[in-house]
């Protein structure tokens, strides 16, 4: 209860401070009332969704996600505006003290706020405000096909030009637009890849979230099949289950559903992909994550029956597994496919110029292709979204990776 009181007081204080910028810029009262109404409605909806409106046994329902997203949008607007107001108020305060003690002023007075600074503050604050709203309306379904060519000296000849489509972090419990998902499924199939690999987090919390979308994902097609692994959200660990049996049944139902959709679910095991007389080992581990995430992945078990000289592709949901375990394993894993980070669903990317997101402060390998110790990893930015119901700058991704045999020199 105390945390709610502190949060509400802080939010209202930020709103009152931001109101001063609006009063400096315009004299129309309806602008003030509109801002106050929006701020209070967003706050009221957030409090309702996270208290009385909370759905039993679920961490983030769609209404809660949108309540959080709208609150984030308004607070971003407030905070950036306040940065300008606060810096100006410090200057005003110093000016007032100087005039009182070193000037000719008999009383302490503050200079008026400068209109142009408030205009700049409000203008800059409107950028993230608009971007976050766009991210919830359009950005979350702005699917991008990112293509990579990776060269390997020891790639079996028959697999030269072999094409992989990777998707990750579907988070089907967040979807709210069937047409957009139909479009994305068609986009995946248009790649006509040899194999489709899904690297975890089919749902947010429960198997039932995938049921409305299972028919669409069943239509995914690839010559050599579809393979999947589990992500941290697939285990139902973030739900207050009434009994352990219900949690176990949820996981079993999800495994069965994936298989019904045509996915070969790899649970710390491997398969061989074969072309002609050549083969490559496809290894899939359960989730293994650093920092409190489930560590069910067993790389030793998964690769127990493959040969050291095999060309290996590893599916592992969390890229911290690659950093902490895979790179130092006795086997050489030529390519690892991961997801998990979502690129934080927020950042700035200009190909060839900049790739930045706050998630880089937690994950060293957070989006795209990396190479260490002669081994590659692709960290997929995710197909869906979670928490903030949108994406800004870091768009939903369909990775298309073509394996190439490096010419001998």
Protein backbone atom coordinates (compact mmCIF):
# COMPACT_ATOMS: atom_id res chain seq x y z
CA UNK A 1 0.00 0.00 0.00
CA UNK A 2 2.83 2.38 0.86
CA UNK A 3 4.41 1.80 -2.54
CA UNK A 4 1.15 2.75 -4.25
CA UNK A 5 0.90 5.96 -2.20
CA UNK A 6 4.49 6.95 -3.02
CA UNK A 7 3.97 6.19 -6.71
CA UNK A 8 0.71 8.18 -6.90
CA UNK A 9 2.21 11.18 -5.13
CA UNK A 10 5.25 11.10 -7.43
CA UNK A 11 3.10 10.79 -10.55
CA UNK A 12 0.87 13.68 -9.51
CA UNK A 13 3.88 15.83 -8.65
CA UNK A 14 5.35 15.19 -12.10
CA UNK A 15 2.01 16.09 -13.66
CA UNK A 16 1.74 19.37 -11.75
CA UNK A 17 5.29 20.29 -12.72
CA UNK A 18 4.58 19.53 -16.40
CA UNK A 19 1.43 21.66 -16.16
CA UNK A 20 3.64 24.68 -15.48
CA UNK A 21 5.25 24.28 -18.92
CA UNK A 22 1.82 24.18 -20.54
CA UNK A 23 0.75 27.32 -18.66
CA UNK A 24 3.90 29.09 -19.83
CA UNK A 25 3.28 28.18 -23.47
CA UNK A 26 -0.49 28.70 -23.77
CA UNK A 27 -3.21 30.62 -22.00
CA UNK A 28 -6.08 28.39 -23.12
CA UNK A 29 -7.57 26.64 -20.06
CA UNK A 30 -8.96 23.76 -22.14
CA UNK A 31 -5.37 22.63 -22.83
CA UNK A 32 -4.70 22.36 -19.09
CA UNK A 33 -7.93 20.50 -18.46
CA UNK A 34 -7.28 18.09 -21.32
CA UNK A 35 -3.81 17.29 -19.99
CA UNK A 36 -5.15 16.81 -16.44
CA UNK A 37 -7.97 14.57 -17.69
CA UNK A 38 -5.63 12.37 -19.74
CA UNK A 39 -3.10 12.09 -16.91
CA UNK A 40 -5.76 11.14 -14.36
CA UNK A 41 -7.52 8.67 -16.68
CA UNK A 42 -4.23 6.91 -17.43
CA UNK A 43 -3.36 6.77 -13.74
CA UNK A 44 -6.82 5.55 -12.76
CA UNK A 45 -6.81 2.82 -15.40
CA UNK A 46 -3.34 1.68 -14.33
CA UNK A 47 -4.35 1.45 -10.66
CA UNK A 48 -7.56 -0.39 -11.54
CA UNK A 49 -5.89 -2.93 -13.85
CA UNK A 50 -3.14 -3.75 -11.35
CA UNK A 51 -5.46 -4.01 -8.33
CA UNK A 52 -9.20 -4.65 -8.72
CA UNK A 53 -9.01 -5.55 -12.39
CA UNK A 54 -6.17 -8.05 -12.08
CA UNK A 55 -6.93 -11.44 -13.64
CA UNK A 56 -6.32 -14.34 -11.33
CA UNK A 57 -3.18 -16.33 -12.02
CA UNK A 58 -1.82 -14.11 -14.79
CA UNK A 59 1.12 -11.77 -14.67
CA UNK A 60 0.38 -9.54 -17.66
CA UNK A 61 -3.04 -9.61 -19.30
CA UNK A 62 -3.70 -7.46 -22.37
CA UNK A 63 -5.55 -4.74 -20.39
CA UNK A 64 -2.69 -4.59 -17.89
CA UNK A 65 -0.13 -4.35 -20.71
CA UNK A 66 -1.96 -1.44 -22.31
CA UNK A 67 -2.42 0.26 -18.94
CA UNK A 68 1.34 -0.02 -18.43
CA UNK A 69 2.08 1.18 -21.96
CA UNK A 70 -0.11 4.26 -21.64
CA UNK A 71 1.37 5.09 -18.24
CA UNK A 72 4.87 4.76 -19.69
CA UNK A 73 3.92 7.08 -22.55
CA UNK A 74 2.57 9.81 -20.28
CA UNK A 75 5.47 9.56 -17.84
CA UNK A 76 8.01 9.80 -20.67
CA UNK A 77 6.31 13.02 -21.77
CA UNK A 78 6.38 14.36 -18.23
CA UNK A 79 9.96 13.44 -17.44
CA UNK A 80 11.49 14.98 -20.56
CA UNK A 81 9.48 18.17 -20.08
CA UNK A 82 10.60 18.34 -16.47
CA UNK A 83 14.27 18.01 -17.40
CA UNK A 84 13.99 21.38 -19.14
CA UNK A 85 11.84 22.97 -16.46
CA UNK A 86 14.10 21.81 -13.65
CA UNK A 87 17.28 23.05 -15.32
CA UNK A 88 15.64 26.42 -15.93
CA UNK A 89 14.31 26.56 -12.36
CA UNK A 90 17.81 26.07 -10.98
CA UNK A 91 18.95 29.03 -13.07
CA UNK A 92 15.92 31.07 -11.93
CA UNK A 93 16.64 30.22 -8.31
CA UNK A 94 20.30 31.24 -8.57
CA UNK A 95 19.31 34.46 -10.35
CA UNK A 96 16.79 35.25 -7.62
CA UNK A 97 19.37 34.71 -4.84
CA UNK A 98 21.97 36.82 -6.66
CA UNK A 99 19.51 39.68 -7.13
CA UNK A 100 18.52 39.52 -3.46
CA UNK A 101 21.97 39.40 -1.87
CA UNK A 102 24.22 41.06 -4.45
CA UNK A 103 21.84 43.29 -6.40
CA UNK A 104 19.42 46.02 -5.56
CA UNK A 105 16.35 43.84 -4.98
CA UNK A 106 14.79 44.20 -1.52
CA UNK A 107 12.71 41.05 -1.75
CA UNK A 108 13.45 37.61 -3.14
CA UNK A 109 11.69 37.07 -6.48
CA UNK A 110 12.04 34.49 -9.20
CA UNK A 111 12.35 35.56 -12.84
CA UNK A 112 9.54 34.39 -15.08
CA UNK A 113 9.93 31.18 -17.03
CA UNK A 114 11.06 31.66 -20.61
CA UNK A 115 8.43 30.55 -23.09
CA UNK A 116 10.88 29.26 -25.69
CA UNK A 117 12.49 26.82 -23.21
CA UNK A 118 9.11 25.40 -22.29
CA UNK A 119 8.31 25.09 -25.99
CA UNK A 120 11.57 23.20 -26.59
CA UNK A 121 10.90 20.91 -23.64
CA UNK A 122 7.34 20.14 -24.73
CA UNK A 123 8.45 19.66 -28.33
CA UNK A 124 11.15 17.17 -27.40
CA UNK A 125 8.82 15.40 -24.98
CA UNK A 126 6.33 14.96 -27.82
CA UNK A 127 8.85 12.78 -29.73
CA UNK A 128 8.91 9.80 -27.32
CA UNK A 129 5.23 10.39 -26.55
CA UNK A 130 4.32 9.99 -30.21
CA UNK A 131 6.83 7.17 -30.75
CA UNK A 132 5.46 5.12 -27.86
CA UNK A 133 1.90 5.57 -29.09
CA UNK A 134 2.99 4.58 -32.61
CA UNK A 135 4.79 1.57 -31.19
CA UNK A 136 1.53 0.35 -29.63
CA UNK A 137 -0.58 1.10 -32.71
CA UNK A 138 1.70 0.03 -35.59
CA UNK A 139 5.25 -0.71 -34.49
CA UNK A 140 4.52 -4.02 -32.76
CA UNK A 141 3.45 -5.54 -36.11
CA UNK A 142 6.08 -3.86 -38.29
CA UNK A 143 7.63 -7.21 -39.25
CA UNK A 144 11.11 -7.11 -40.78
CA UNK A 145 12.89 -9.87 -42.71
CA UNK A 146 16.59 -9.65 -41.89
CA UNK A 147 18.89 -11.70 -44.12
CA UNK A 148 22.38 -12.91 -43.28
CA UNK A 149 24.98 -14.92 -45.22
CA UNK A 150 27.39 -16.81 -42.98
CA UNK A 151 30.51 -18.54 -44.30
CA UNK A 152 32.11 -21.65 -42.82
CA UNK A 153 35.20 -23.47 -43.99
CA UNK A 154 33.92 -26.86 -42.82
CA UNK A 155 30.31 -26.60 -43.97
CA UNK A 156 29.38 -29.89 -45.74
CA UNK A 157 29.25 -29.33 -49.49
CA UNK A 158 25.62 -30.37 -49.89
CA UNK A 159 24.59 -27.64 -47.43
CA UNK A 160 26.22 -24.80 -49.37
CA UNK A 161 23.36 -22.30 -49.79
CA UNK A 162 21.18 -23.98 -47.15
CA UNK A 163 18.60 -21.47 -45.88
CA UNK A 164 17.26 -21.23 -42.33
CA UNK A 165 14.34 -19.11 -41.17
CA UNK A 166 14.47 -18.37 -37.46
CA UNK A 167 11.63 -16.92 -35.40
CA UNK A 168 11.62 -16.44 -31.65
CA UNK A 169 9.56 -15.06 -28.77
CA UNK A 170 6.10 -15.33 -30.29
CA UNK A 171 4.36 -14.43 -27.00
CA UNK A 172 0.98 -15.31 -28.46
CA UNK A 173 -0.86 -14.14 -25.34
CA UNK A 174 -0.16 -10.55 -26.39
CA UNK A 175 -1.58 -10.73 -29.94
CA UNK A 176 -4.67 -8.67 -30.75
CA UNK A 177 -4.78 -8.48 -34.56
CA UNK A 178 -5.32 -11.68 -36.55
CA UNK A 179 -4.77 -10.01 -39.93
CA UNK A 180 -1.30 -8.86 -38.92
CA UNK A 181 -0.33 -12.34 -37.73
CA UNK A 182 -1.66 -13.85 -40.97
CA UNK A 183 0.54 -11.41 -42.86
CA UNK A 184 3.59 -12.40 -40.79
CA UNK A 185 2.97 -16.12 -41.32
CA UNK A 186 2.71 -15.53 -45.08
CA UNK A 187 5.94 -13.54 -44.93
CA UNK A 188 7.73 -16.46 -43.28
CA UNK A 189 6.45 -18.92 -45.87
CA UNK A 190 7.45 -16.58 -48.71
CA UNK A 191 11.10 -17.08 -47.74
CA UNK A 192 10.83 -20.72 -48.89
CA UNK A 193 13.58 -21.76 -46.48
CA UNK A 194 14.88 -25.30 -46.12
CA UNK A 195 14.04 -25.37 -42.41
CA UNK A 196 12.18 -23.22 -39.86
CA UNK A 197 13.64 -22.99 -36.35
CA UNK A 198 11.71 -21.49 -33.43
CA UNK A 199 13.80 -20.56 -30.40
CA UNK A 200 11.34 -20.35 -27.54
CA UNK A 201 8.62 -18.38 -25.72
CA UNK A 202 5.54 -19.49 -27.62
CA UNK A 203 3.31 -18.03 -24.87
CA UNK A 204 3.42 -15.48 -22.07
CA UNK A 205 2.18 -17.80 -19.35
CA UNK A 206 -0.35 -20.44 -20.40
CA UNK A 207 -0.81 -22.92 -23.22
CA UNK A 208 -4.35 -21.65 -23.81
CA UNK A 209 -2.94 -18.37 -25.15
CA UNK A 210 -1.70 -20.18 -28.27
CA UNK A 211 -4.98 -21.93 -29.07
CA UNK A 212 -6.51 -19.09 -31.17
CA UNK A 213 -3.33 -18.91 -33.27
CA UNK A 214 -2.40 -22.58 -33.59
CA UNK A 215 -4.13 -22.97 -36.96
CA UNK A 216 -2.04 -20.14 -38.42
CA UNK A 217 1.27 -21.44 -37.14
CA UNK A 218 0.35 -24.90 -38.39
CA UNK A 219 0.54 -23.50 -41.93
CA UNK A 220 4.26 -22.70 -41.61
CA UNK A 221 6.11 -24.82 -44.14
CA UNK A 222 9.73 -25.73 -44.85
CA UNK A 223 11.28 -28.53 -46.91
CA UNK A 224 13.11 -30.12 -43.99
CA UNK A 225 10.51 -29.37 -41.33
CA UNK A 226 9.99 -27.13 -38.30
CA UNK A 227 11.90 -27.47 -35.03
CA UNK A 228 11.48 -25.71 -31.70
CA UNK A 229 12.82 -25.36 -28.17
CA UNK A 230 11.31 -23.94 -24.98
CA UNK A 231 11.88 -20.44 -23.58
CA UNK A 232 11.60 -19.25 -20.00
CA UNK A 233 7.94 -18.18 -20.39
CA UNK A 234 6.85 -21.56 -21.73
CA UNK A 235 7.23 -23.31 -18.37
CA UNK A 236 4.47 -21.32 -16.64
CA UNK A 237 6.86 -20.15 -13.91
CA UNK A 238 5.28 -16.69 -13.70
CA UNK A 239 1.79 -17.90 -12.80
CA UNK A 240 0.42 -18.57 -9.30
CA UNK A 241 -0.87 -22.08 -10.02
CA UNK A 242 -3.31 -23.61 -7.55
CA UNK A 243 -1.49 -26.96 -7.66
CA UNK A 244 1.81 -28.26 -9.08
CA UNK A 245 -0.23 -30.69 -11.18
CA UNK A 246 -1.92 -27.82 -13.04
CA UNK A 247 1.44 -26.28 -13.83
CA UNK A 248 2.80 -29.60 -15.07
CA UNK A 249 -0.30 -30.18 -17.20
CA UNK A 250 0.05 -26.72 -18.75
CA UNK A 251 3.59 -27.53 -19.87
CA UNK A 252 2.57 -30.93 -21.21
CA UNK A 253 -0.31 -29.32 -23.10
CA UNK A 254 2.06 -26.77 -24.66
CA UNK A 255 4.50 -29.48 -25.73
CA UNK A 256 1.68 -31.45 -27.32
CA UNK A 257 0.28 -28.36 -29.01
CA UNK A 258 3.63 -27.55 -30.57
CA UNK A 259 3.85 -31.07 -31.94
CA UNK A 260 0.27 -30.83 -33.26
CA UNK A 261 1.29 -27.65 -35.10
CA UNK A 262 4.06 -29.62 -36.80
CA UNK A 263 7.02 -28.56 -34.68
CA UNK A 264 9.60 -31.14 -33.64
CA UNK A 265 10.26 -29.98 -30.06
CA UNK A 266 13.85 -30.63 -28.97
CA UNK A 267 14.19 -31.19 -25.23
CA UNK A 268 17.94 -31.45 -24.63
CA UNK A 269 18.30 -33.64 -27.71
CA UNK A 270 19.40 -33.54 -31.32
CA UNK A 271 18.33 -34.33 -34.85
CA UNK A 272 20.35 -34.73 -38.05
CA UNK A 273 19.45 -32.72 -41.13
CA UNK A 274 20.53 -34.65 -44.22
CA UNK A 275 21.16 -33.67 -47.84
CA UNK A 276 22.60 -36.28 -50.12
CA UNK A 277 25.51 -37.94 -48.34
CA UNK A 278 26.07 -34.99 -45.98
CA UNK A 279 24.47 -34.10 -42.66
CA UNK A 280 24.54 -31.41 -40.00
CA UNK A 281 23.62 -31.82 -36.33
CA UNK A 282 20.72 -29.74 -35.05
CA UNK A 283 20.94 -29.54 -31.26
CA UNK A 284 18.17 -28.12 -29.08
CA UNK A 285 18.35 -27.39 -25.35
CA UNK A 286 15.72 -26.36 -22.85
CA UNK A 287 15.92 -22.87 -21.41
CA UNK A 288 19.17 -21.92 -19.72
CA UNK A 289 19.43 -18.35 -18.52
CA UNK A 290 21.64 -16.24 -16.31
CA UNK A 291 20.31 -14.07 -13.49
CA UNK A 292 17.54 -16.10 -11.93
CA UNK A 293 16.11 -17.65 -15.09
CA UNK A 294 15.46 -21.38 -15.35
CA UNK A 295 18.53 -23.51 -16.05
CA UNK A 296 16.94 -26.63 -17.51
CA UNK A 297 19.19 -26.67 -20.56
CA UNK A 298 21.68 -29.57 -20.61
CA UNK A 299 24.15 -29.15 -23.46
CA UNK A 300 26.07 -32.30 -22.55
CA UNK A 301 22.93 -34.42 -22.70
CA UNK A 302 21.72 -32.78 -25.88
CA UNK A 303 24.96 -33.49 -27.76
CA UNK A 304 25.80 -36.87 -26.21
CA UNK A 305 25.11 -38.80 -29.40
CA UNK A 306 26.64 -36.53 -32.02
CA UNK A 307 30.21 -36.61 -33.30
CA UNK A 308 32.84 -33.98 -32.46
CA UNK A 309 33.52 -33.35 -36.15
CA UNK A 310 29.84 -32.76 -37.01
CA UNK A 311 28.79 -29.35 -38.25
CA UNK A 312 26.52 -28.13 -35.43
CA UNK A 313 23.63 -25.72 -35.14
CA UNK A 314 22.41 -25.09 -31.59
CA UNK A 315 19.01 -23.77 -30.61
CA UNK A 316 19.13 -22.13 -27.16
CA UNK A 317 16.62 -19.48 -26.11
CA UNK A 318 18.80 -17.24 -23.93
CA UNK A 319 22.02 -15.75 -25.40
CA UNK A 320 23.65 -15.76 -21.96
CA UNK A 321 23.87 -19.55 -22.39
CA UNK A 322 26.11 -19.01 -25.42
CA UNK A 323 28.29 -16.56 -23.53
CA UNK A 324 28.59 -18.55 -20.29
CA UNK A 325 28.50 -22.17 -21.47
CA UNK A 326 28.47 -22.82 -25.20
CA UNK A 327 31.61 -20.87 -26.12
CA UNK A 328 33.60 -22.81 -23.53
CA UNK A 329 32.21 -26.25 -24.30
CA UNK A 330 34.50 -29.01 -25.59
CA UNK A 331 32.46 -29.10 -28.80
CA UNK A 332 32.59 -26.37 -31.44
CA UNK A 333 29.07 -25.09 -32.13
CA UNK A 334 29.29 -23.37 -35.49
CA UNK A 335 26.02 -21.46 -35.18
CA UNK A 336 23.79 -20.79 -32.18
CA UNK A 337 20.30 -19.35 -32.55
CA UNK A 338 18.78 -17.44 -29.62
CA UNK A 339 16.19 -14.80 -28.79
CA UNK A 340 14.88 -13.77 -25.35
CA UNK A 341 16.07 -10.14 -25.22
CA UNK A 342 13.42 -8.68 -27.62
CA UNK A 343 16.00 -5.92 -28.12
CA UNK A 344 13.97 -4.51 -25.21
CA UNK A 345 11.40 -3.58 -27.91
CA UNK A 346 12.93 -0.12 -27.84
CA UNK A 347 16.04 1.37 -29.37
CA UNK A 348 17.64 2.99 -32.38
CA UNK A 349 18.88 1.05 -35.38
CA UNK A 350 20.30 2.49 -38.59
CA UNK A 351 22.04 -0.34 -40.49
CA UNK A 352 25.73 0.34 -40.84
CA UNK A 353 25.57 3.33 -38.50
CA UNK A 354 24.10 2.64 -35.10
CA UNK A 355 22.51 -0.18 -33.12
CA UNK A 356 21.56 0.79 -29.60
CA UNK A 357 19.07 -0.28 -26.94
CA UNK A 358 19.13 -0.03 -23.13
CA UNK A 359 19.09 -3.84 -23.06
CA UNK A 360 22.80 -3.78 -24.02
CA UNK A 361 23.53 -2.91 -20.39
CA UNK A 362 22.25 -6.34 -19.37
CA UNK A 363 23.07 -8.53 -22.37
CA UNK A 364 26.36 -8.27 -24.22
CA UNK A 365 24.84 -10.14 -27.17
CA UNK A 366 21.36 -8.72 -27.61
CA UNK A 367 20.44 -8.45 -31.30
CA UNK A 368 21.80 -9.71 -34.59
CA UNK A 369 24.92 -11.65 -35.56
CA UNK A 370 28.00 -11.92 -33.34
CA UNK A 371 31.15 -13.99 -33.73
CA UNK A 372 33.45 -15.16 -30.95
CA UNK A 373 36.11 -17.85 -30.97
CA UNK A 374 35.17 -18.84 -34.51
CA UNK A 375 31.53 -19.43 -33.52
CA UNK A 376 28.46 -17.44 -34.62
CA UNK A 377 25.29 -16.52 -32.76
CA UNK A 378 22.18 -14.84 -34.07
CA UNK A 379 20.05 -13.16 -31.40
CA UNK A 380 16.61 -12.74 -32.93
CA UNK A 381 14.80 -9.55 -31.86
CA UNK A 382 11.56 -11.47 -31.39
CA UNK A 383 8.32 -11.99 -33.29
CA UNK A 384 5.93 -10.76 -30.60
CA UNK A 385 5.96 -8.41 -27.64
CA UNK A 386 5.55 -8.50 -23.87
CA UNK A 387 5.06 -5.94 -21.11
CA UNK A 388 4.99 -2.72 -23.12
CA UNK A 389 2.48 -3.66 -25.86
CA UNK A 390 4.49 -2.20 -28.70
CA UNK A 391 7.87 -1.72 -30.34
CA UNK A 392 9.84 1.43 -31.10
CA UNK A 393 12.92 1.22 -33.30
CA UNK A 394 13.49 -2.48 -32.59
CA UNK A 395 10.99 -4.11 -34.90
CA UNK A 396 9.64 -7.69 -34.85
CA UNK A 397 12.07 -9.90 -36.73
CA UNK A 398 12.09 -12.85 -39.09
CA UNK A 399 15.70 -13.98 -39.50
CA UNK A 400 16.76 -15.65 -42.74
CA UNK A 401 20.24 -17.16 -42.55
CA UNK A 402 22.00 -18.68 -45.56
CA UNK A 403 24.90 -21.03 -44.85
CA UNK A 404 27.76 -20.68 -47.31
CA UNK A 405 30.85 -22.79 -47.77
CA UNK A 406 33.89 -20.55 -47.57
CA UNK A 407 36.20 -21.00 -50.56
CA UNK A 408 39.58 -22.49 -49.68
CA UNK A 409 42.49 -20.20 -50.44
